[in-house]
Amino acid sequence: MKFEIVEETAEVLAEFEKVSIAFRVETVFRLELLENGLSGVNLFEETVEKPFIKDYDGLEKPSSWAARFDLSNWGILSAFDGAKRVGGAVIAWKSPEIFMLEGSDDLACLWDLRVAPEYRGRGVGKLLFESAIDWAVERKCRLLKVETQNINVPACRFYERQGCHLGGFNLHAYPESMNEIALFWYLKL
């Protein structure tokens, strides 16, 4: 099956968000700090007692980003199967207000990657990820950074398969009630 990737503008974010980012959590990564984190971390996959659905769009929808951020340097890539929108990727770049960019103009952040549930596992995510890399390379970025969470094991495994390495984590990025840990993946471009 052939999918088309199209670069779009922020005006499409209301349509973009109609592609569900929700996923079912059946396992999580438990982090074991080595020497309190000085020597790194080990990840152990564990089954959750009660599987659940996580939907980050329930916290903040893409259509709200323009009110919070200057999107003028962001890339918005959409995947289509014919006329049907089946996925998308958003890349943040040269945006001082984005902490994850570390104030660097040669670092791009894959802010959002989503694939419609019925299209997952069919190569759409890989195609979007490769297109995001191309987008960042065109802007002379040397690194691509991705944040995911320890509860999104499929995403972690996906980024690892794409050649990313786990370069950091934040145990305190989210409210304690969320019971999630931020994991930061990097890819040298």
Foldseek 3Di string as FASTA:
>chain_A
DDKDKDKDDLVCQVVQQVQFQKDKFQKFWDWDADPNVPVHIDTDIDGDPDIDIDGCVVVPGSNCVVVPFPCPQKIKMFMDDVPRTFWIWIKDAPTVVDVVQVNDRQEIEGEDTGGRPVCPPVCPRVVRVVVVVVVSVVSNHFKYKYKDKRRCVVVVVVLVVVVWDFDDKAPPPDPVVVVIIITMTMDGD
